[in-house]
N, C-alpha and C. Protein backbone atom coordinates (compact mmCIF):
# COMPACT_ATOMS: atom_id res chain seq x y z
N GLU A 1 -28.23 -41.54 12.98
CA GLU A 1 -27.24 -42.25 12.96
C GLU A 1 -26.07 -41.80 11.90
N LYS A 2 -26.53 -41.23 10.94
CA LYS A 2 -25.48 -40.76 9.98
C LYS A 2 -25.15 -39.37 10.53
N ILE A 3 -25.62 -38.58 11.11
CA ILE A 3 -25.08 -37.51 12.08
C ILE A 3 -23.84 -37.85 12.79
N VAL A 4 -24.18 -38.71 13.95
CA VAL A 4 -23.29 -39.21 14.98
C VAL A 4 -22.00 -39.77 13.91
N GLU A 5 -22.23 -40.64 13.08
CA GLU A 5 -21.07 -41.12 12.09
C GLU A 5 -20.10 -39.78 11.45
N THR A 6 -20.78 -38.76 11.05
CA THR A 6 -20.09 -37.84 10.59
C THR A 6 -19.35 -36.99 11.53
N ALA A 7 -20.04 -36.76 12.59
CA ALA A 7 -19.44 -36.02 13.74
C ALA A 7 -18.39 -36.67 14.16
N LEU A 8 -18.32 -37.94 14.54
CA LEU A 8 -17.36 -38.74 15.12
C LEU A 8 -16.14 -38.68 14.16
N GLN A 9 -16.17 -38.72 13.03
CA GLN A 9 -15.02 -38.75 11.99
C GLN A 9 -14.48 -37.51 12.04
N MET A 10 -15.41 -36.12 12.00
CA MET A 10 -14.84 -34.90 12.13
C MET A 10 -14.06 -34.63 13.56
N PHE A 11 -14.90 -35.03 14.64
CA PHE A 11 -14.26 -34.93 15.84
C PHE A 11 -12.70 -35.47 15.88
N ASN A 12 -12.76 -36.70 15.61
CA ASN A 12 -11.35 -37.43 15.43
C ASN A 12 -10.52 -37.01 14.57
N THR A 13 -10.76 -36.35 13.57
CA THR A 13 -9.63 -35.77 12.56
C THR A 13 -9.65 -34.18 12.66
N ARG A 14 -10.28 -33.46 13.46
CA ARG A 14 -9.89 -32.29 13.58
C ARG A 14 -9.94 -31.77 15.00
N GLY A 15 -10.44 -32.70 15.58
CA GLY A 15 -10.26 -32.38 17.24
C GLY A 15 -11.78 -31.82 17.71
N CYS A 16 -12.06 -32.23 18.98
CA CYS A 16 -13.34 -31.75 19.47
C CYS A 16 -13.53 -30.01 19.51
N ARG A 17 -12.63 -29.63 19.71
CA ARG A 17 -12.82 -27.96 19.89
C ARG A 17 -12.48 -27.50 18.46
N GLY A 18 -12.22 -28.17 17.46
CA GLY A 18 -11.87 -27.73 16.07
C GLY A 18 -13.03 -27.79 15.19
N VAL A 19 -14.25 -28.36 15.82
CA VAL A 19 -15.47 -28.66 15.03
C VAL A 19 -16.53 -27.98 15.81
N THR A 20 -17.11 -27.13 15.11
CA THR A 20 -18.46 -26.85 15.63
C THR A 20 -19.80 -27.21 15.23
N MET A 21 -20.89 -26.76 15.70
CA MET A 21 -21.98 -27.48 15.21
C MET A 21 -22.30 -26.99 13.68
N ASP A 22 -21.99 -26.06 13.52
CA ASP A 22 -22.04 -25.27 11.98
C ASP A 22 -21.48 -25.97 11.04
N ASP A 23 -20.22 -26.69 11.52
CA ASP A 23 -19.31 -27.50 10.76
C ASP A 23 -20.05 -28.75 10.39
N ILE A 24 -20.41 -29.39 11.33
CA ILE A 24 -21.14 -30.54 11.34
C ILE A 24 -22.35 -30.46 10.29
N ALA A 25 -23.58 -29.48 10.63
CA ALA A 25 -24.56 -28.97 9.64
C ALA A 25 -24.23 -28.89 8.45
N GLN A 26 -23.13 -28.26 8.15
CA GLN A 26 -22.78 -27.88 6.72
C GLN A 26 -22.19 -29.27 5.91
N ALA A 27 -21.38 -30.11 6.71
CA ALA A 27 -21.20 -31.64 6.30
C ALA A 27 -22.33 -32.34 5.89
N MET A 28 -23.47 -32.28 7.00
CA MET A 28 -24.59 -33.11 6.54
C MET A 28 -25.55 -32.42 5.58
N HIS A 29 -25.07 -31.35 4.98
CA HIS A 29 -26.08 -30.41 4.04
C HIS A 29 -27.10 -30.23 4.77
N MET A 30 -27.12 -29.91 5.93
CA MET A 30 -28.68 -29.83 6.50
C MET A 30 -28.66 -28.48 7.57
N SER A 31 -29.81 -27.90 7.87
CA SER A 31 -29.64 -26.27 8.31
C SER A 31 -29.31 -26.78 9.86
N LYS A 32 -28.83 -25.81 10.54
CA LYS A 32 -28.39 -25.70 12.00
C LYS A 32 -29.67 -26.10 13.00
N ARG A 33 -30.74 -25.55 12.62
CA ARG A 33 -32.01 -25.73 13.17
C ARG A 33 -32.54 -27.19 13.30
N THR A 34 -32.33 -27.79 12.15
CA THR A 34 -32.52 -29.31 11.98
C THR A 34 -31.45 -30.31 12.98
N LEU A 35 -30.28 -29.83 13.00
CA LEU A 35 -29.25 -30.45 13.95
C LEU A 35 -29.42 -30.12 15.13
N TYR A 36 -29.79 -28.96 15.72
CA TYR A 36 -30.35 -28.65 17.11
C TYR A 36 -31.46 -29.24 17.41
N GLU A 37 -32.20 -29.59 16.51
CA GLU A 37 -33.54 -30.50 16.83
C GLU A 37 -33.26 -31.85 17.00
N THR A 38 -32.21 -32.26 16.65
CA THR A 38 -31.72 -33.80 17.04
C THR A 38 -30.67 -33.79 18.27
N PHE A 39 -29.78 -32.84 18.46
CA PHE A 39 -28.71 -32.63 19.33
C PHE A 39 -28.81 -31.50 20.03
N ALA A 40 -29.19 -31.35 21.37
CA ALA A 40 -29.36 -29.83 21.81
C ALA A 40 -28.10 -28.99 21.68
N ASN A 41 -26.71 -29.64 21.87
CA ASN A 41 -25.61 -29.09 21.78
C ASN A 41 -24.23 -29.91 21.53
N LYS A 42 -23.21 -29.47 21.33
CA LYS A 42 -22.26 -30.27 20.84
C LYS A 42 -21.75 -31.07 21.84
N GLU A 43 -22.11 -30.85 23.24
CA GLU A 43 -21.41 -31.79 24.26
C GLU A 43 -22.42 -33.05 24.28
N GLU A 44 -23.75 -33.02 24.11
CA GLU A 44 -24.73 -34.04 23.61
C GLU A 44 -24.39 -34.74 22.60
N LEU A 45 -23.87 -34.16 21.46
CA LEU A 45 -23.20 -34.91 20.21
C LEU A 45 -22.06 -35.47 20.42
N LEU A 46 -21.20 -35.09 21.10
CA LEU A 46 -19.96 -35.66 21.22
C LEU A 46 -19.98 -36.97 22.43
N ALA A 47 -21.05 -36.63 23.41
CA ALA A 47 -21.34 -37.97 24.38
C ALA A 47 -21.76 -39.14 23.59
N GLU A 48 -22.53 -38.96 22.70
CA GLU A 48 -23.17 -39.73 21.47
C GLU A 48 -22.19 -40.63 20.95
N CYS A 49 -20.96 -39.43 20.46
CA CYS A 49 -20.10 -40.03 19.70
C CYS A 49 -19.24 -41.15 20.35
N LEU A 50 -18.98 -40.80 21.54
CA LEU A 50 -18.16 -41.86 22.61
C LEU A 50 -18.82 -43.08 22.93
N MET A 51 -20.18 -42.88 22.92
CA MET A 51 -21.04 -44.14 22.99
C MET A 51 -21.12 -44.87 21.84
N ARG A 52 -21.10 -44.29 20.59
CA ARG A 52 -21.01 -45.17 19.62
C ARG A 52 -19.63 -46.19 19.44
N VAL A 53 -18.32 -45.41 20.16
CA VAL A 53 -17.06 -46.17 20.09
C VAL A 53 -17.45 -47.31 21.10
N HIS A 54 -17.86 -47.13 22.21
CA HIS A 54 -18.35 -47.91 23.27
C HIS A 54 -18.95 -49.16 22.57
N ASP A 55 -20.10 -48.78 21.88
CA ASP A 55 -21.07 -49.87 21.16
C ASP A 55 -20.29 -50.69 20.19
N GLN A 56 -19.11 -50.19 19.50
CA GLN A 56 -18.25 -50.69 18.78
C GLN A 56 -17.52 -51.75 19.31
N ILE A 57 -16.99 -51.51 20.42
CA ILE A 57 -16.31 -52.48 21.14
C ILE A 57 -17.09 -53.65 21.61
N ASN A 58 -18.24 -53.44 22.19
CA ASN A 58 -19.26 -54.24 22.61
C ASN A 58 -19.49 -55.22 21.54
N ASP A 59 -19.85 -54.74 20.29
CA ASP A 59 -20.07 -55.59 19.17
C ASP A 59 -18.98 -56.44 18.85
N LEU A 60 -17.80 -55.83 19.02
CA LEU A 60 -16.67 -57.03 18.80
C LEU A 60 -16.59 -57.94 19.83
N HIS A 61 -16.87 -57.68 20.93
CA HIS A 61 -17.00 -58.49 22.42
C HIS A 61 -17.75 -59.76 22.06
N ARG A 62 -19.17 -59.10 21.38
CA ARG A 62 -20.16 -60.32 21.24
C ARG A 62 -19.79 -61.01 20.01
N LYS A 63 -19.02 -60.63 19.15
CA LYS A 63 -18.68 -61.45 18.03
C LYS A 63 -17.57 -62.40 18.48
N ALA A 64 -16.89 -61.93 19.34
CA ALA A 64 -15.79 -62.82 19.85
C ALA A 64 -16.27 -63.95 20.46
N HIS A 65 -17.13 -63.67 21.43
CA HIS A 65 -17.85 -64.70 22.13
C HIS A 65 -18.56 -65.83 21.27
N SER A 66 -19.41 -65.15 19.98
CA SER A 66 -20.11 -66.07 19.29
C SER A 66 -19.04 -67.21 18.56
N LYS A 67 -17.57 -66.98 18.49
CA LYS A 67 -16.69 -67.43 17.47
C LYS A 67 -15.66 -68.54 18.49
N VAL A 68 -15.43 -67.83 19.69
CA VAL A 68 -14.59 -68.44 20.52
C VAL A 68 -15.23 -68.78 21.96
N ASP A 69 -15.08 -70.18 22.28
CA ASP A 69 -15.63 -70.40 23.64
C ASP A 69 -14.65 -70.50 24.71
N GLU A 70 -13.60 -69.48 24.72
CA GLU A 70 -12.60 -69.45 25.74
C GLU A 70 -12.40 -68.05 26.27
N PRO A 71 -13.37 -67.75 27.48
CA PRO A 71 -13.48 -66.58 27.88
C PRO A 71 -12.03 -65.73 28.10
N LEU A 72 -10.88 -66.46 28.55
CA LEU A 72 -9.64 -65.70 28.69
C LEU A 72 -9.07 -65.03 27.42
N LEU A 73 -9.45 -66.09 26.45
CA LEU A 73 -8.65 -65.59 25.27
C LEU A 73 -9.64 -64.61 24.36
N VAL A 74 -10.95 -64.43 24.80
CA VAL A 74 -11.73 -63.39 24.24
C VAL A 74 -11.49 -62.21 25.27
N ALA A 75 -10.94 -62.13 26.44
CA ALA A 75 -10.53 -61.33 27.08
C ALA A 75 -9.38 -60.51 26.63
N MET A 76 -8.26 -61.43 26.27
CA MET A 76 -6.98 -60.96 26.06
C MET A 76 -7.22 -60.37 24.47
N TYR A 77 -7.97 -60.71 23.80
CA TYR A 77 -8.22 -59.95 22.50
C TYR A 77 -8.85 -58.76 22.65
N MET A 78 -9.79 -58.73 23.68
CA MET A 78 -10.54 -57.27 23.91
C MET A 78 -9.51 -56.37 24.37
N LEU A 79 -8.42 -56.84 25.16
CA LEU A 79 -7.33 -55.76 25.20
C LEU A 79 -6.94 -55.31 24.16
N ARG A 80 -6.51 -56.21 22.95
CA ARG A 80 -6.07 -55.59 21.84
C ARG A 80 -7.08 -54.89 21.28
N VAL A 81 -8.09 -55.07 21.20
CA VAL A 81 -9.23 -54.31 20.50
C VAL A 81 -9.31 -52.65 21.33
N GLY A 82 -8.96 -52.59 22.66
CA GLY A 82 -8.81 -51.55 23.26
C GLY A 82 -7.61 -50.76 22.80
N ALA A 83 -6.47 -51.52 22.61
CA ALA A 83 -5.44 -50.59 22.16
C ALA A 83 -5.44 -50.21 20.69
N ASP A 84 -6.14 -50.97 19.87
CA ASP A 84 -6.46 -50.77 18.45
C ASP A 84 -7.35 -49.37 18.49
N THR A 85 -8.45 -49.54 19.48
CA THR A 85 -9.48 -48.17 19.30
C THR A 85 -8.76 -47.13 19.92
N ASN A 86 -7.92 -47.15 21.01
CA ASN A 86 -7.15 -46.07 21.22
C ASN A 86 -6.36 -45.37 20.09
N HIS A 87 -5.66 -46.10 19.37
CA HIS A 87 -5.01 -45.79 17.99
C HIS A 87 -5.80 -45.11 17.13
N ARG A 88 -6.94 -45.78 17.02
CA ARG A 88 -7.78 -45.29 15.62
C ARG A 88 -8.48 -43.73 16.16
N TYR A 89 -9.11 -43.87 17.47
CA TYR A 89 -9.55 -42.68 18.06
C TYR A 89 -8.96 -41.82 19.16
N HIS A 90 -7.68 -41.65 18.66
CA HIS A 90 -6.65 -41.28 19.75
C HIS A 90 -7.01 -39.71 19.92
N ARG A 91 -7.29 -39.02 18.71
CA ARG A 91 -7.51 -37.50 19.24
C ARG A 91 -8.90 -37.08 19.77
N LEU A 92 -9.80 -38.00 19.28
CA LEU A 92 -10.95 -37.83 20.00
C LEU A 92 -11.07 -38.13 21.20
N ILE A 93 -10.52 -39.10 21.62
CA ILE A 93 -10.56 -39.52 23.03
C ILE A 93 -9.34 -38.57 24.10
N GLU A 94 -8.58 -38.11 23.47
CA GLU A 94 -7.54 -37.20 23.95
C GLU A 94 -8.19 -35.84 24.37
N GLU A 95 -8.85 -35.14 23.57
CA GLU A 95 -9.42 -34.11 23.29
C GLU A 95 -10.43 -34.18 24.28
N ALA A 96 -11.61 -35.09 24.14
CA ALA A 96 -12.40 -35.19 25.34
C ALA A 96 -12.17 -35.01 26.64
N GLU A 97 -10.82 -36.11 27.07
CA GLU A 97 -10.58 -36.16 28.27
C GLU A 97 -9.92 -34.73 28.89
N ARG A 98 -9.35 -33.99 27.96
CA ARG A 98 -8.85 -32.68 28.27
C ARG A 98 -9.86 -31.50 28.19
N TYR A 99 -10.68 -31.56 27.40
CA TYR A 99 -11.61 -30.45 27.28
C TYR A 99 -13.23 -30.60 27.89
N TYR A 100 -13.57 -31.75 27.84
CA TYR A 100 -14.93 -32.40 28.20
C TYR A 100 -14.84 -33.33 29.09
N PRO A 101 -14.16 -33.25 30.48
CA PRO A 101 -13.70 -34.45 31.34
C PRO A 101 -14.93 -35.02 31.75
N ASP A 102 -16.05 -34.37 32.28
CA ASP A 102 -17.24 -34.98 32.39
C ASP A 102 -17.69 -36.16 31.53
N ILE A 103 -17.90 -35.69 30.29
CA ILE A 103 -18.28 -36.42 29.25
C ILE A 103 -17.39 -37.82 28.96
N HIS A 104 -16.04 -37.38 29.17
CA HIS A 104 -15.11 -38.48 29.16
C HIS A 104 -15.06 -39.60 30.10
N ASP A 105 -15.14 -38.89 31.57
CA ASP A 105 -15.47 -39.74 32.73
C ASP A 105 -16.54 -40.95 32.75
N ARG A 106 -17.67 -40.28 32.03
CA ARG A 106 -18.97 -41.23 31.79
C ARG A 106 -18.41 -42.24 30.76
N PHE A 107 -17.95 -42.06 29.94
CA PHE A 107 -17.61 -43.18 28.84
C PHE A 107 -16.61 -44.03 29.57
N PHE A 108 -15.49 -43.51 30.25
CA PHE A 108 -14.22 -44.21 30.56
C PHE A 108 -14.70 -45.25 31.75
N ARG A 109 -15.91 -44.67 32.56
CA ARG A 109 -16.38 -45.57 33.62
C ARG A 109 -16.98 -46.50 33.29
N LEU A 110 -17.95 -46.55 31.73
CA LEU A 110 -18.68 -47.34 31.53
C LEU A 110 -17.66 -48.40 30.71
N HIS A 111 -16.77 -47.96 30.21
CA HIS A 111 -15.61 -48.95 29.62
C HIS A 111 -15.05 -49.81 30.39
N THR A 112 -14.70 -49.16 31.73
CA THR A 112 -13.96 -49.83 32.93
C THR A 112 -14.83 -50.83 33.45
N GLU A 113 -16.41 -50.62 33.53
CA GLU A 113 -17.28 -51.76 33.97
C GLU A 113 -17.11 -53.01 33.15
N THR A 114 -17.21 -52.54 31.61
CA THR A 114 -17.18 -53.62 30.49
C THR A 114 -15.89 -54.57 30.79
N LEU A 115 -14.68 -53.86 31.07
CA LEU A 115 -13.63 -54.58 31.08
C LEU A 115 -13.25 -55.37 32.13
N HIS A 116 -14.04 -54.93 33.36
CA HIS A 116 -14.16 -55.77 34.72
C HIS A 116 -15.13 -57.06 34.21
N THR A 117 -15.93 -56.79 33.67
CA THR A 117 -17.07 -58.08 33.30
C THR A 117 -16.26 -58.93 32.39
N MET A 118 -15.58 -58.60 31.51
CA MET A 118 -15.04 -59.43 30.40
C MET A 118 -13.87 -60.28 31.30
N MET A 119 -13.11 -59.48 32.35
CA MET A 119 -11.94 -60.12 32.94
C MET A 119 -12.43 -61.24 34.01
N GLU A 120 -13.73 -60.64 34.55
CA GLU A 120 -14.14 -61.74 35.38
C GLU A 120 -14.55 -63.27 34.83
N HIS A 121 -15.15 -63.04 33.73
CA HIS A 121 -15.37 -64.26 32.72
C HIS A 121 -14.14 -65.27 32.57
N GLY A 122 -13.15 -64.29 32.08
CA GLY A 122 -11.70 -64.75 31.97
C GLY A 122 -11.49 -65.80 33.12
N MET A 123 -11.31 -64.91 34.30
CA MET A 123 -10.53 -65.61 35.46
C MET A 123 -11.52 -66.69 36.00
N GLU A 124 -12.56 -66.74 35.87
CA GLU A 124 -13.68 -68.05 36.31
C GLU A 124 -13.10 -68.74 35.23
N TYR A 125 -13.04 -68.72 33.81
CA TYR A 125 -12.60 -69.79 33.15
C TYR A 125 -11.20 -70.39 33.54
N VAL A 126 -10.22 -69.52 34.05
CA VAL A 126 -9.17 -70.13 34.48
C VAL A 126 -9.05 -71.01 35.76
N ARG A 127 -9.90 -70.32 36.61
CA ARG A 127 -10.02 -70.94 37.94
C ARG A 127 -10.87 -72.59 37.70
N SER A 128 -11.56 -72.42 36.71
CA SER A 128 -12.32 -73.73 36.63
C SER A 128 -11.62 -74.68 35.73
N HIS A 129 -10.25 -74.31 35.10
CA HIS A 129 -9.30 -75.30 34.59
C HIS A 129 -8.27 -75.45 35.64
N GLY A 130 -8.23 -74.98 36.77
CA GLY A 130 -7.40 -75.37 37.76
C GLY A 130 -6.14 -74.47 37.63
N TYR A 131 -6.11 -73.25 37.03
CA TYR A 131 -4.78 -72.21 37.05
C TYR A 131 -5.09 -71.44 38.36
N LEU A 132 -6.12 -71.45 39.04
CA LEU A 132 -6.45 -70.55 40.42
C LEU A 132 -7.14 -71.54 41.39
N ARG A 133 -6.65 -71.40 42.64
CA ARG A 133 -7.21 -72.29 43.78
C ARG A 133 -8.57 -71.91 43.42
N PRO A 134 -9.52 -73.08 43.87
CA PRO A 134 -10.84 -72.95 43.93
C PRO A 134 -11.56 -72.12 44.65
N ASP A 135 -10.80 -71.64 45.82
CA ASP A 135 -11.31 -70.51 46.82
C ASP A 135 -10.58 -69.35 46.45
N ALA A 136 -10.34 -69.09 45.29
CA ALA A 136 -9.41 -67.85 44.82
C ALA A 136 -10.71 -66.67 44.82
N ASP A 137 -10.46 -65.63 45.10
CA ASP A 137 -11.56 -64.28 45.03
C ASP A 137 -11.25 -63.77 43.67
N ILE A 138 -12.17 -63.94 43.24
CA ILE A 138 -12.19 -63.60 41.67
C ILE A 138 -12.01 -62.22 41.52
N GLU A 139 -12.76 -61.44 42.14
CA GLU A 139 -12.82 -60.12 42.44
C GLU A 139 -11.60 -59.42 42.69
N VAL A 140 -10.81 -59.84 43.61
CA VAL A 140 -9.42 -59.53 44.11
C VAL A 140 -8.51 -60.00 42.72
N ALA A 141 -8.51 -60.96 42.21
CA ALA A 141 -7.59 -61.29 40.98
C ALA A 141 -7.92 -60.23 40.04
N VAL A 142 -9.20 -60.13 39.63
CA VAL A 142 -9.62 -59.03 38.48
C VAL A 142 -9.04 -57.81 38.84
N ASP A 143 -9.09 -57.22 40.07
CA ASP A 143 -8.86 -55.71 40.53
C ASP A 143 -7.14 -55.69 40.22
N SER A 144 -6.50 -56.96 40.65
CA SER A 144 -4.94 -56.99 40.58
C SER A 144 -4.49 -56.82 39.24
N LEU A 145 -5.18 -57.68 38.46
CA LEU A 145 -4.82 -57.87 37.01
C LEU A 145 -5.17 -56.31 36.26
N CYS A 146 -6.40 -55.64 36.64
CA CYS A 146 -6.63 -54.42 36.04
C CYS A 146 -5.68 -53.33 36.21
N ASN A 147 -5.05 -53.59 37.41
CA ASN A 147 -4.08 -52.46 37.99
C ASN A 147 -2.80 -52.57 37.17
N LEU A 148 -2.60 -53.62 36.58
CA LEU A 148 -1.47 -53.91 35.53
C LEU A 148 -1.61 -53.47 34.16
N ILE A 149 -2.82 -53.23 33.74
CA ILE A 149 -3.24 -52.66 32.52
C ILE A 149 -3.41 -51.14 32.41
N GLN A 150 -2.62 -50.65 31.27
CA GLN A 150 -2.57 -49.33 30.78
C GLN A 150 -4.06 -49.32 30.35
N PRO A 151 -5.00 -48.01 30.78
CA PRO A 151 -6.12 -47.96 30.28
C PRO A 151 -6.03 -47.63 28.71
N PRO A 152 -6.78 -48.35 28.05
CA PRO A 152 -6.58 -48.12 26.36
C PRO A 152 -7.54 -47.19 26.19
N LEU A 153 -8.50 -46.21 26.87
CA LEU A 153 -9.40 -45.63 26.26
C LEU A 153 -9.39 -44.09 27.27
N GLY A 154 -8.07 -43.62 27.39
CA GLY A 154 -7.83 -42.46 28.14
C GLY A 154 -6.93 -42.62 29.34
N GLY A 155 -6.35 -41.92 29.90
CA GLY A 155 -5.39 -42.06 31.01
C GLY A 155 -5.85 -41.62 32.20
N ARG A 156 -6.63 -40.24 32.40
CA ARG A 156 -6.93 -40.07 33.60
C ARG A 156 -8.51 -41.07 34.41
N ARG A 157 -7.93 -41.42 35.54
CA ARG A 157 -8.92 -42.36 35.98
C ARG A 157 -10.15 -41.50 36.95
N PRO A 158 -11.11 -41.68 36.56
CA PRO A 158 -12.48 -41.11 37.42
C PRO A 158 -12.35 -41.71 38.70
N GLU A 159 -12.79 -40.72 39.60
CA GLU A 159 -13.25 -41.19 41.21
C GLU A 159 -14.50 -42.06 41.22
N GLY A 160 -14.69 -42.84 42.41
CA GLY A 160 -15.42 -43.56 42.71
C GLY A 160 -15.59 -45.26 42.62
N PRO A 161 -16.52 -45.95 42.93
CA PRO A 161 -16.71 -47.27 42.74
C PRO A 161 -16.21 -47.62 41.24
N ARG A 162 -15.47 -48.84 41.53
CA ARG A 162 -14.92 -49.34 40.15
C ARG A 162 -13.70 -48.72 39.29
N ALA A 163 -13.44 -47.53 40.01
CA ALA A 163 -12.15 -46.84 39.51
C ALA A 163 -10.86 -47.71 39.87
N PRO A 164 -10.11 -48.06 38.82
CA PRO A 164 -9.10 -49.03 39.29
C PRO A 164 -7.87 -48.30 40.16
N PRO A 165 -7.04 -48.98 40.69
CA PRO A 165 -5.97 -48.46 41.17
C PRO A 165 -5.00 -47.79 40.26
N GLN A 166 -3.88 -47.41 40.80
CA GLN A 166 -2.89 -46.42 40.19
C GLN A 166 -2.58 -46.95 38.87
N ARG A 167 -2.49 -46.23 37.76
CA ARG A 167 -2.08 -46.84 36.51
C ARG A 167 -0.92 -47.63 36.43
N GLY A 168 -0.71 -48.67 35.61
CA GLY A 168 0.17 -49.60 35.38
C GLY A 168 0.18 -49.61 33.91
N VAL A 169 1.30 -50.63 33.30
CA VAL A 169 1.36 -50.62 32.18
C VAL A 169 1.59 -52.18 31.79
N LEU A 170 0.82 -52.90 30.95
CA LEU A 170 0.94 -54.07 30.53
C LEU A 170 1.49 -54.22 29.20
N HIS A 171 2.70 -54.55 28.67
CA HIS A 171 3.09 -54.41 27.28
C HIS A 171 2.50 -55.58 26.42
N LEU A 172 1.58 -55.46 25.67
CA LEU A 172 0.92 -56.46 24.84
C LEU A 172 1.84 -56.80 23.84
N PRO A 173 1.83 -58.32 23.47
CA PRO A 173 2.54 -58.48 22.22
C PRO A 173 2.11 -57.83 20.93
N ALA A 174 2.87 -57.70 20.07
CA ALA A 174 2.63 -56.89 18.67
C ALA A 174 1.87 -57.87 17.82
N ARG A 175 2.11 -59.21 17.92
CA ARG A 175 1.23 -60.35 17.45
C ARG A 175 0.41 -60.88 18.04
N PRO A 176 -1.06 -60.88 17.46
CA PRO A 176 -1.86 -61.70 18.17
C PRO A 176 -1.67 -63.28 18.62
N HIS A 177 -1.06 -63.92 17.93
CA HIS A 177 -0.69 -65.42 17.88
C HIS A 177 0.25 -65.59 19.12
N ASP A 178 0.74 -64.37 19.67
CA ASP A 178 1.57 -64.45 20.67
C ASP A 178 0.93 -64.82 22.14
N HIS A 179 -0.37 -64.54 21.96
CA HIS A 179 -1.10 -64.92 23.03
C HIS A 179 -1.81 -66.23 23.21
N GLY A 180 -1.80 -67.07 21.81
CA GLY A 180 -2.22 -68.12 21.67
C GLY A 180 -2.25 -68.75 20.11
N ASP A 181 -3.60 -69.20 20.05
CA ASP A 181 -4.07 -69.47 18.65
C ASP A 181 -4.70 -68.28 17.82
N HIS A 182 -3.64 -67.84 16.96
CA HIS A 182 -4.04 -66.50 16.22
C HIS A 182 -5.02 -66.87 15.23
N ARG A 183 -5.02 -67.94 14.85
CA ARG A 183 -6.26 -68.51 13.82
C ARG A 183 -7.73 -68.18 14.43
N ALA A 184 -7.68 -68.64 15.84
CA ALA A 184 -8.81 -68.28 16.44
C ALA A 184 -9.33 -66.87 16.76
N LEU A 185 -8.24 -66.01 16.93
CA LEU A 185 -8.48 -64.88 16.66
C LEU A 185 -8.95 -64.13 15.47
N ARG A 186 -8.07 -64.57 14.54
CA ARG A 186 -8.37 -64.04 13.00
C ARG A 186 -9.90 -64.29 12.86
N ALA A 187 -10.39 -65.54 13.31
CA ALA A 187 -11.75 -66.11 13.12
C ALA A 187 -12.90 -64.91 13.46
N PHE A 188 -12.85 -64.13 14.61
CA PHE A 188 -13.54 -63.22 14.98
C PHE A 188 -12.93 -61.85 14.76
N GLY A 189 -12.23 -61.64 13.88
CA GLY A 189 -11.67 -60.45 13.26
C GLY A 189 -10.52 -59.37 14.04
N ALA A 190 -9.88 -60.25 14.65
CA ALA A 190 -8.53 -59.59 15.39
C ALA A 190 -7.75 -58.89 14.25
N PRO A 191 -7.33 -57.69 14.39
CA PRO A 191 -6.61 -56.98 13.53
C PRO A 191 -5.13 -57.59 13.48
N LEU A 192 -4.58 -57.84 12.16
CA LEU A 192 -3.23 -58.64 12.33
C LEU A 192 -2.25 -57.61 11.85
N GLN A 193 -1.07 -57.87 12.36
CA GLN A 193 0.05 -57.15 12.00
C GLN A 193 0.52 -57.71 10.39
N GLU A 194 1.23 -56.81 10.16
CA GLU A 194 2.07 -57.09 8.53
C GLU A 194 2.87 -58.60 8.93
N GLY A 195 2.82 -59.35 8.18
CA GLY A 195 3.44 -60.65 8.21
C GLY A 195 2.36 -61.83 8.72
N ASP A 196 1.42 -61.65 9.48
CA ASP A 196 0.52 -62.66 10.04
C ASP A 196 -0.37 -63.17 8.83
N ALA A 197 -0.41 -62.59 7.74
CA ALA A 197 -1.36 -62.84 6.71
C ALA A 197 -1.08 -64.40 6.26
N GLY A 198 -0.15 -64.81 6.23
CA GLY A 198 0.35 -66.20 6.01
C GLY A 198 0.64 -67.01 6.86
N ALA A 199 0.68 -66.62 8.25
CA ALA A 199 1.04 -67.37 9.37
C ALA A 199 0.02 -68.61 9.53
């Protein structure tokens, strides 16, 4: 686990191509042999780093659900999480997309599945409260909404099932409470902008 944390920081700071397995072994104060006994190559380690990012997002999702019982609010919060993740790990994600497309596409596809699941829960909540017709097709509604959302974790969409349609843009408000009750967002750790602390 410490290897992944160290590699994730190095990949994100120096870029995927700018970091070698030798560099990581030196940073960990271990031999190359020990490192290669854990990860066969840099690609395997990079894939594990991207999975760590995905796990962090899932952890925030679980935390959100444990604090707020409104799926739509949780879904909107997770869109903010995606934007913040893109900002925090922009170099890692951009270089993975450019130089290791197969690894990036596996990660992006997994993220897309997670996004769809969250949005499905949110749309079910909307329908149950009368904002959608009872016979509304949730799958179509989710696909239409995701078509408007700029992918937060990389721009090139993989081919295959669940790959959303053409890229669109959804301009998210800069302040969490523009989505609703910012106190609820704060309760499960939503990042606040300057000036929100006393709101």
